[in-house]
């Protein structure tokens, strides 16, 4: 499974977004309604899934959209 598909699935599951369209341009806060607790839970889910460690502060600075998250995970060496 490609990283993008898996990231979409994790986001949908963690944010309980059944039926809401997720795209690369979706903003975590504005479009998907994620708050800071949701983002911490997403970080933990990404770490578990991709076998990497993510500094929340770094993610918060660099990642605003789903596409940003995918690129960030690739930069961090996510196992895909």
PDB file of N, CA and C in Angstrom:
ATOM      1  N   UNK A   1       0.850  -1.180   0.000  1.00  0.00           N
ATOM      2  CA  UNK A   1       0.000   0.000   0.000  1.00  0.00           C
ATOM      3  C   UNK A   1       0.894   1.241   0.000  1.00  0.00           C
ATOM      4  N   UNK A   2       0.560   2.182  -0.808  1.00  0.00           N
ATOM      5  CA  UNK A   2       1.370   3.395  -0.876  1.00  0.00           C
ATOM      6  C   UNK A   2       1.122   4.257   0.353  1.00  0.00           C
ATOM      7  N   UNK A   3       2.111   5.060   0.682  1.00  0.00           N
ATOM      8  CA  UNK A   3       2.051   5.861   1.896  1.00  0.00           C
ATOM      9  C   UNK A   3       0.828   6.772   1.937  1.00  0.00           C
ATOM     10  N   UNK A   4       0.479   7.370   0.807  1.00  0.00           N
ATOM     11  CA  UNK A   4      -0.655   8.296   0.764  1.00  0.00           C
ATOM     12  C   UNK A   4      -1.947   7.598   1.196  1.00  0.00           C
ATOM     13  N   UNK A   5      -2.203   6.414   0.653  1.00  0.00           N
ATOM     14  CA  UNK A   5      -3.425   5.691   1.009  1.00  0.00           C
ATOM     15  C   UNK A   5      -3.456   5.362   2.494  1.00  0.00           C
ATOM     16  N   UNK A   6      -2.324   4.916   3.022  1.00  0.00           N
ATOM     17  CA  UNK A   6      -2.270   4.547   4.444  1.00  0.00           C
ATOM     18  C   UNK A   6      -2.454   5.778   5.331  1.00  0.00           C
ATOM     19  N   UNK A   7      -1.849   6.902   4.951  1.00  0.00           N
ATOM     20  CA  UNK A   7      -2.018   8.139   5.717  1.00  0.00           C
ATOM     21  C   UNK A   7      -3.494   8.539   5.727  1.00  0.00           C
ATOM     22  N   UNK A   8      -4.168   8.470   4.581  1.00  0.00           N
ATOM     23  CA  UNK A   8      -5.594   8.795   4.518  1.00  0.00           C
ATOM     24  C   UNK A   8      -6.391   7.897   5.467  1.00  0.00           C
ATOM     25  N   UNK A   9      -6.087   6.604   5.472  1.00  0.00           N
ATOM     26  CA  UNK A   9      -6.804   5.666   6.338  1.00  0.00           C
ATOM     27  C   UNK A   9      -6.583   5.977   7.814  1.00  0.00           C
ATOM     28  N   UNK A  10      -5.352   6.287   8.179  1.00  0.00           N
ATOM     29  CA  UNK A  10      -5.050   6.617   9.573  1.00  0.00           C
ATOM     30  C   UNK A  10      -5.793   7.880   9.986  1.00  0.00           C
ATOM     31  N   UNK A  11      -5.771   8.891   9.132  1.00  0.00           N
ATOM     32  CA  UNK A  11      -6.465  10.147   9.440  1.00  0.00           C
ATOM     33  C   UNK A  11      -7.959   9.907   9.585  1.00  0.00           C
ATOM     34  N   UNK A  12      -8.537   9.177   8.653  1.00  0.00           N
ATOM     35  CA  UNK A  12      -9.977   8.891   8.717  1.00  0.00           C
ATOM     36  C   UNK A  12     -10.325   8.157  10.010  1.00  0.00           C
ATOM     37  N   UNK A  13      -9.503   7.183  10.386  1.00  0.00           N
ATOM     38  CA  UNK A  13      -9.750   6.408  11.595  1.00  0.00           C
ATOM     39  C   UNK A  13      -9.565   7.255  12.852  1.00  0.00           C
ATOM     40  N   UNK A  14      -8.458   7.958  12.949  1.00  0.00           N
ATOM     41  CA  UNK A  14      -8.152   8.736  14.155  1.00  0.00           C
ATOM     42  C   UNK A  14      -9.109   9.901  14.372  1.00  0.00           C
ATOM     43  N   UNK A  15      -9.552  10.526  13.289  1.00  0.00           N
ATOM     44  CA  UNK A  15     -10.427  11.695  13.406  1.00  0.00           C
ATOM     45  C   UNK A  15     -11.907  11.349  13.216  1.00  0.00           C
ATOM     46  N   UNK A  16     -12.182  10.053  13.044  1.00  0.00           N
ATOM     47  CA  UNK A  16     -13.571   9.583  12.885  1.00  0.00           C
ATOM     48  C   UNK A  16     -14.282  10.341  11.765  1.00  0.00           C
ATOM     49  N   UNK A  17     -13.699  10.263  10.566  1.00  0.00           N
ATOM     50  CA  UNK A  17     -14.187  11.041   9.425  1.00  0.00           C
ATOM     51  C   UNK A  17     -14.939  10.209   8.389  1.00  0.00           C
ATOM     52  N   UNK A  18     -15.708   9.275   8.807  1.00  0.00           N
ATOM     53  CA  UNK A  18     -16.456   8.461   7.854  1.00  0.00           C
ATOM     54  C   UNK A  18     -17.286   9.340   6.941  1.00  0.00           C
ATOM     55  N   UNK A  19     -17.071   9.185   5.636  1.00  0.00           N
ATOM     56  CA  UNK A  19     -17.854   9.912   4.654  1.00  0.00           C
ATOM     57  C   UNK A  19     -17.337  11.293   4.306  1.00  0.00           C
ATOM     58  N   UNK A  20     -16.302  11.748   4.969  1.00  0.00           N
ATOM     59  CA  UNK A  20     -15.718  13.053   4.651  1.00  0.00           C
ATOM     60  C   UNK A  20     -14.542  12.839   3.716  1.00  0.00           C
ATOM     61  N   UNK A  21     -14.538  13.572   2.606  1.00  0.00           N
ATOM     62  CA  UNK A  21     -13.470  13.413   1.624  1.00  0.00           C
ATOM     63  C   UNK A  21     -12.170  14.015   2.152  1.00  0.00           C
ATOM     64  N   UNK A  22     -11.099  13.231   2.064  1.00  0.00           N
ATOM     65  CA  UNK A  22      -9.772  13.693   2.444  1.00  0.00           C
ATOM     66  C   UNK A  22      -8.956  13.811   1.166  1.00  0.00           C
ATOM     67  N   UNK A  23      -8.312  14.966   0.995  1.00  0.00           N
ATOM     68  CA  UNK A  23      -7.435  15.167  -0.152  1.00  0.00           C
ATOM     69  C   UNK A  23      -6.076  15.642   0.356  1.00  0.00           C
ATOM     70  N   UNK A  24      -5.108  15.711  -0.546  1.00  0.00           N
ATOM     71  CA  UNK A  24      -3.791  16.213  -0.170  1.00  0.00           C
ATOM     72  C   UNK A  24      -3.867  17.654   0.314  1.00  0.00           C
ATOM     73  N   UNK A  25      -4.835  18.404  -0.175  1.00  0.00           N
ATOM     74  CA  UNK A  25      -4.962  19.813   0.193  1.00  0.00           C
ATOM     75  C   UNK A  25      -5.791  20.037   1.460  1.00  0.00           C
ATOM     76  N   UNK A  26      -6.351  18.982   2.026  1.00  0.00           N
ATOM     77  CA  UNK A  26      -7.169  19.127   3.236  1.00  0.00           C
ATOM     78  C   UNK A  26      -6.317  19.636   4.390  1.00  0.00           C
ATOM     79  N   UNK A  27      -6.789  20.710   5.013  1.00  0.00           N
ATOM     80  CA  UNK A  27      -6.134  21.259   6.202  1.00  0.00           C
ATOM     81  C   UNK A  27      -6.602  20.462   7.417  1.00  0.00           C
ATOM     82  N   UNK A  28      -5.648  20.068   8.260  1.00  0.00           N
ATOM     83  CA  UNK A  28      -6.035  19.301   9.444  1.00  0.00           C
ATOM     84  C   UNK A  28      -7.003  20.085  10.326  1.00  0.00           C
ATOM     85  N   UNK A  29      -6.721  21.345  10.550  1.00  0.00           N
ATOM     86  CA  UNK A  29      -7.556  22.134  11.456  1.00  0.00           C
ATOM     87  C   UNK A  29      -8.802  22.681  10.763  1.00  0.00           C
ATOM     88  N   UNK A  30      -8.623  23.314   9.621  1.00  0.00           N
ATOM     89  CA  UNK A  30      -9.748  23.993   8.974  1.00  0.00           C
ATOM     90  C   UNK A  30     -10.728  23.048   8.293  1.00  0.00           C
ATOM     91  N   UNK A  31     -10.208  22.050   7.569  1.00  0.00           N
ATOM     92  CA  UNK A  31     -11.082  21.154   6.797  1.00  0.00           C
ATOM     93  C   UNK A  31     -11.498  19.897   7.559  1.00  0.00           C
ATOM     94  N   UNK A  32     -10.593  19.384   8.398  1.00  0.00           N
ATOM     95  CA  UNK A  32     -10.861  18.111   9.062  1.00  0.00           C
ATOM     96  C   UNK A  32     -11.209  18.272  10.537  1.00  0.00           C
ATOM     97  N   UNK A  33     -11.143  19.496  11.044  1.00  0.00           N
ATOM     98  CA  UNK A  33     -11.568  19.772  12.414  1.00  0.00           C
ATOM     99  C   UNK A  33     -10.668  19.216  13.497  1.00  0.00           C
ATOM    100  N   UNK A  34      -9.405  18.981  13.197  1.00  0.00           N
ATOM    101  CA  UNK A  34      -8.486  18.407  14.181  1.00  0.00           C
ATOM    102  C   UNK A  34      -8.039  19.473  15.177  1.00  0.00           C
ATOM    103  N   UNK A  35      -8.055  19.098  16.457  1.00  0.00           N
ATOM    104  CA  UNK A  35      -7.515  19.991  17.475  1.00  0.00           C
ATOM    105  C   UNK A  35      -6.145  19.470  17.905  1.00  0.00           C
ATOM    106  N   UNK A  36      -5.537  20.091  18.892  1.00  0.00           N
ATOM    107  CA  UNK A  36      -4.177  19.710  19.280  1.00  0.00           C
ATOM    108  C   UNK A  36      -4.108  18.279  19.808  1.00  0.00           C
ATOM    109  N   UNK A  37      -5.125  17.829  20.499  1.00  0.00           N
ATOM    110  CA  UNK A  37      -5.142  16.445  21.002  1.00  0.00           C
ATOM    111  C   UNK A  37      -5.235  15.472  19.829  1.00  0.00           C
ATOM    112  N   UNK A  38      -6.069  15.788  18.852  1.00  0.00           N
ATOM    113  CA  UNK A  38      -6.170  14.945  17.655  1.00  0.00           C
ATOM    114  C   UNK A  38      -4.825  14.839  16.957  1.00  0.00           C
ATOM    115  N   UNK A  39      -4.108  15.961  16.876  1.00  0.00           N
ATOM    116  CA  UNK A  39      -2.813  15.950  16.193  1.00  0.00           C
ATOM    117  C   UNK A  39      -1.789  15.102  16.939  1.00  0.00           C
ATOM    118  N   UNK A  40      -1.806  15.151  18.261  1.00  0.00           N
ATOM    119  CA  UNK A  40      -0.901  14.300  19.051  1.00  0.00           C
ATOM    120  C   UNK A  40      -1.230  12.830  18.796  1.00  0.00           C
ATOM    121  N   UNK A  41      -2.509  12.498  18.763  1.00  0.00           N
ATOM    122  CA  UNK A  41      -2.909  11.114  18.491  1.00  0.00           C
ATOM    123  C   UNK A  41      -2.506  10.683  17.085  1.00  0.00           C
ATOM    124  N   UNK A  42      -2.600  11.595  16.123  1.00  0.00           N
ATOM    125  CA  UNK A  42      -2.152  11.290  14.765  1.00  0.00           C
ATOM    126  C   UNK A  42      -0.650  11.023  14.731  1.00  0.00           C
ATOM    127  N   UNK A  43       0.117  11.844  15.456  1.00  0.00           N
ATOM    128  CA  UNK A  43       1.562  11.645  15.521  1.00  0.00           C
ATOM    129  C   UNK A  43       1.865  10.244  16.045  1.00  0.00           C
ATOM    130  N   UNK A  44       1.197   9.839  17.121  1.00  0.00           N
ATOM    131  CA  UNK A  44       1.433   8.506  17.694  1.00  0.00           C
ATOM    132  C   UNK A  44       1.043   7.406  16.705  1.00  0.00           C
ATOM    133  N   UNK A  45      -0.054   7.595  16.008  1.00  0.00           N
ATOM    134  CA  UNK A  45      -0.480   6.593  15.026  1.00  0.00           C
ATOM    135  C   UNK A  45       0.516   6.498  13.874  1.00  0.00           C
ATOM    136  N   UNK A  46       1.016   7.639  13.399  1.00  0.00           N
ATOM    137  CA  UNK A  46       2.018   7.634  12.329  1.00  0.00           C
ATOM    138  C   UNK A  46       3.304   6.956  12.797  1.00  0.00           C
ATOM    139  N   UNK A  47       3.714   7.243  14.032  1.00  0.00           N
ATOM    140  CA  UNK A  47       4.923   6.614  14.570  1.00  0.00           C
ATOM    141  C   UNK A  47       4.776   5.096  14.604  1.00  0.00           C
ATOM    142  N   UNK A  48       3.638   4.631  15.097  1.00  0.00           N
ATOM    143  CA  UNK A  48       3.395   3.184  15.171  1.00  0.00           C
ATOM    144  C   UNK A  48       3.365   2.547  13.790  1.00  0.00           C
ATOM    145  N   UNK A  49       2.669   3.185  12.880  1.00  0.00           N
ATOM    146  CA  UNK A  49       2.488   2.610  11.545  1.00  0.00           C
ATOM    147  C   UNK A  49       3.774   2.581  10.734  1.00  0.00           C
ATOM    148  N   UNK A  50       4.550   3.650  10.813  1.00  0.00           N
ATOM    149  CA  UNK A  50       5.700   3.789   9.919  1.00  0.00           C
ATOM    150  C   UNK A  50       7.049   3.546  10.588  1.00  0.00           C
ATOM    151  N   UNK A  51       7.042   3.206  11.870  1.00  0.00           N
ATOM    152  CA  UNK A  51       8.278   2.849  12.543  1.00  0.00           C
ATOM    153  C   UNK A  51       9.273   3.990  12.680  1.00  0.00           C
ATOM    154  N   UNK A  52       8.769   5.195  12.941  1.00  0.00           N
ATOM    155  CA  UNK A  52       9.642   6.363  13.088  1.00  0.00           C
ATOM    156  C   UNK A  52       9.268   7.112  14.357  1.00  0.00           C
ATOM    157  N   UNK A  53      10.146   8.011  14.779  1.00  0.00           N
ATOM    158  CA  UNK A  53       9.840   8.908  15.883  1.00  0.00           C
ATOM    159  C   UNK A  53       9.678  10.308  15.323  1.00  0.00           C
ATOM    160  N   UNK A  54       8.640  10.993  15.777  1.00  0.00           N
ATOM    161  CA  UNK A  54       8.322  12.321  15.269  1.00  0.00           C
ATOM    162  C   UNK A  54       8.271  13.286  16.443  1.00  0.00           C
ATOM    163  N   UNK A  55       8.990  14.397  16.320  1.00  0.00           N
ATOM    164  CA  UNK A  55       8.897  15.461  17.315  1.00  0.00           C
ATOM    165  C   UNK A  55       7.623  16.247  17.015  1.00  0.00           C
ATOM    166  N   UNK A  56       6.698  16.261  17.954  1.00  0.00           N
ATOM    167  CA  UNK A  56       5.412  16.930  17.742  1.00  0.00           C
ATOM    168  C   UNK A  56       5.611  18.384  17.329  1.00  0.00           C
ATOM    169  N   UNK A  57       6.553  19.067  17.977  1.00  0.00           N
ATOM    170  CA  UNK A  57       6.787  20.475  17.683  1.00  0.00           C
ATOM    171  C   UNK A  57       7.201  20.665  16.222  1.00  0.00           C
ATOM    172  N   UNK A  58       8.038  19.758  15.724  1.00  0.00           N
ATOM    173  CA  UNK A  58       8.485  19.841  14.330  1.00  0.00           C
ATOM    174  C   UNK A  58       7.316  19.605  13.381  1.00  0.00           C
ATOM    175  N   UNK A  59       6.512  18.613  13.690  1.00  0.00           N
ATOM    176  CA  UNK A  59       5.347  18.314  12.861  1.00  0.00           C
ATOM    177  C   UNK A  59       4.390  19.501  12.851  1.00  0.00           C
ATOM    178  N   UNK A  60       4.178  20.093  14.019  1.00  0.00           N
ATOM    179  CA  UNK A  60       3.232  21.207  14.127  1.00  0.00           C
ATOM    180  C   UNK A  60       3.682  22.407  13.290  1.00  0.00           C
ATOM    181  N   UNK A  61       4.988  22.644  13.204  1.00  0.00           N
ATOM    182  CA  UNK A  61       5.518  23.762  12.423  1.00  0.00           C
ATOM    183  C   UNK A  61       5.422  23.510  10.921  1.00  0.00           C
ATOM    184  N   UNK A  62       5.677  22.274  10.496  1.00  0.00           N
ATOM    185  CA  UNK A  62       5.812  21.969   9.075  1.00  0.00           C
ATOM    186  C   UNK A  62       4.549  21.445   8.415  1.00  0.00           C
ATOM    187  N   UNK A  63       3.640  20.901   9.194  1.00  0.00           N
ATOM    188  CA  UNK A  63       2.512  20.174   8.602  1.00  0.00           C
ATOM    189  C   UNK A  63       1.190  20.890   8.862  1.00  0.00           C
ATOM    190  N   UNK A  64       0.601  21.371   7.789  1.00  0.00           N
ATOM    191  CA  UNK A  64      -0.712  22.019   7.877  1.00  0.00           C
ATOM    192  C   UNK A  64      -1.770  21.242   7.095  1.00  0.00           C
ATOM    193  N   UNK A  65      -1.336  20.545   6.045  1.00  0.00           N
ATOM    194  CA  UNK A  65      -2.268  19.789   5.196  1.00  0.00           C
ATOM    195  C   UNK A  65      -1.881  18.313   5.183  1.00  0.00           C
ATOM    196  N   UNK A  66      -2.775  17.503   4.649  1.00  0.00           N
ATOM    197  CA  UNK A  66      -2.512  16.072   4.525  1.00  0.00           C
ATOM    198  C   UNK A  66      -1.299  15.830   3.627  1.00  0.00           C
ATOM    199  N   UNK A  67      -1.193  16.583   2.531  1.00  0.00           N
ATOM    200  CA  UNK A  67      -0.032  16.454   1.648  1.00  0.00           C
ATOM    201  C   UNK A  67       1.260  16.781   2.361  1.00  0.00           C
ATOM    202  N   UNK A  68       1.234  17.802   3.229  1.00  0.00           N
ATOM    203  CA  UNK A  68       2.412  18.131   4.044  1.00  0.00           C
ATOM    204  C   UNK A  68       2.805  16.947   4.914  1.00  0.00           C
ATOM    205  N   UNK A  69       1.803  16.277   5.490  1.00  0.00           N
ATOM    206  CA  UNK A  69       2.073  15.133   6.365  1.00  0.00           C
ATOM    207  C   UNK A  69       2.744  14.002   5.600  1.00  0.00           C
ATOM    208  N   UNK A  70       2.256  13.725   4.407  1.00  0.00           N
ATOM    209  CA  UNK A  70       2.845  12.661   3.592  1.00  0.00           C
ATOM    210  C   UNK A  70       4.302  12.983   3.269  1.00  0.00           C
ATOM    211  N   UNK A  71       4.547  14.210   2.855  1.00  0.00           N
ATOM    212  CA  UNK A  71       5.922  14.621   2.533  1.00  0.00           C
ATOM    213  C   UNK A  71       6.807  14.564   3.772  1.00  0.00           C
ATOM    214  N   UNK A  72       6.299  15.017   4.895  1.00  0.00           N
ATOM    215  CA  UNK A  72       7.048  14.983   6.142  1.00  0.00           C
ATOM    216  C   UNK A  72       7.416  13.554   6.522  1.00  0.00           C
ATOM    217  N   UNK A  73       6.448  12.651   6.408  1.00  0.00           N
ATOM    218  CA  UNK A  73       6.710  11.250   6.745  1.00  0.00           C
ATOM    219  C   UNK A  73       7.775  10.654   5.829  1.00  0.00           C
ATOM    220  N   UNK A  74       7.730  10.981   4.565  1.00  0.00           N
ATOM    221  CA  UNK A  74       8.763  10.510   3.625  1.00  0.00           C
ATOM    222  C   UNK A  74      10.139  11.040   4.027  1.00  0.00           C
ATOM    223  N   UNK A  75      10.202  12.323   4.402  1.00  0.00           N
ATOM    224  CA  UNK A  75      11.466  12.931   4.826  1.00  0.00           C
ATOM    225  C   UNK A  75      12.010  12.264   6.080  1.00  0.00           C
ATOM    226  N   UNK A  76      11.115  11.789   6.928  1.00  0.00           N
ATOM    227  CA  UNK A  76      11.526  11.145   8.179  1.00  0.00           C
ATOM    228  C   UNK A  76      11.904   9.680   7.996  1.00  0.00           C
ATOM    229  N   UNK A  77      11.790   9.195   6.762  1.00  0.00           N
ATOM    230  CA  UNK A  77      12.164   7.814   6.467  1.00  0.00           C
ATOM    231  C   UNK A  77      11.094   6.789   6.787  1.00  0.00           C
ATOM    232  N   UNK A  78       9.848   7.196   6.642  1.00  0.00           N
ATOM    233  CA  UNK A  78       8.724   6.290   6.918  1.00  0.00           C
ATOM    234  C   UNK A  78       8.860   5.012   6.092  1.00  0.00           C
ATOM    235  N   UNK A  79       8.660   3.878   6.757  1.00  0.00           N
ATOM    236  CA  UNK A  79       8.677   2.577   6.076  1.00  0.00           C
ATOM    237  C   UNK A  79       7.431   2.433   5.236  1.00  0.00           C
ATOM    238  N   UNK A  80       7.623   2.334   3.915  1.00  0.00           N
ATOM    239  CA  UNK A  80       6.450   2.200   3.053  1.00  0.00           C
ATOM    240  C   UNK A  80       6.555   0.962   2.187  1.00  0.00           C
TER     241      UNK A  80
END
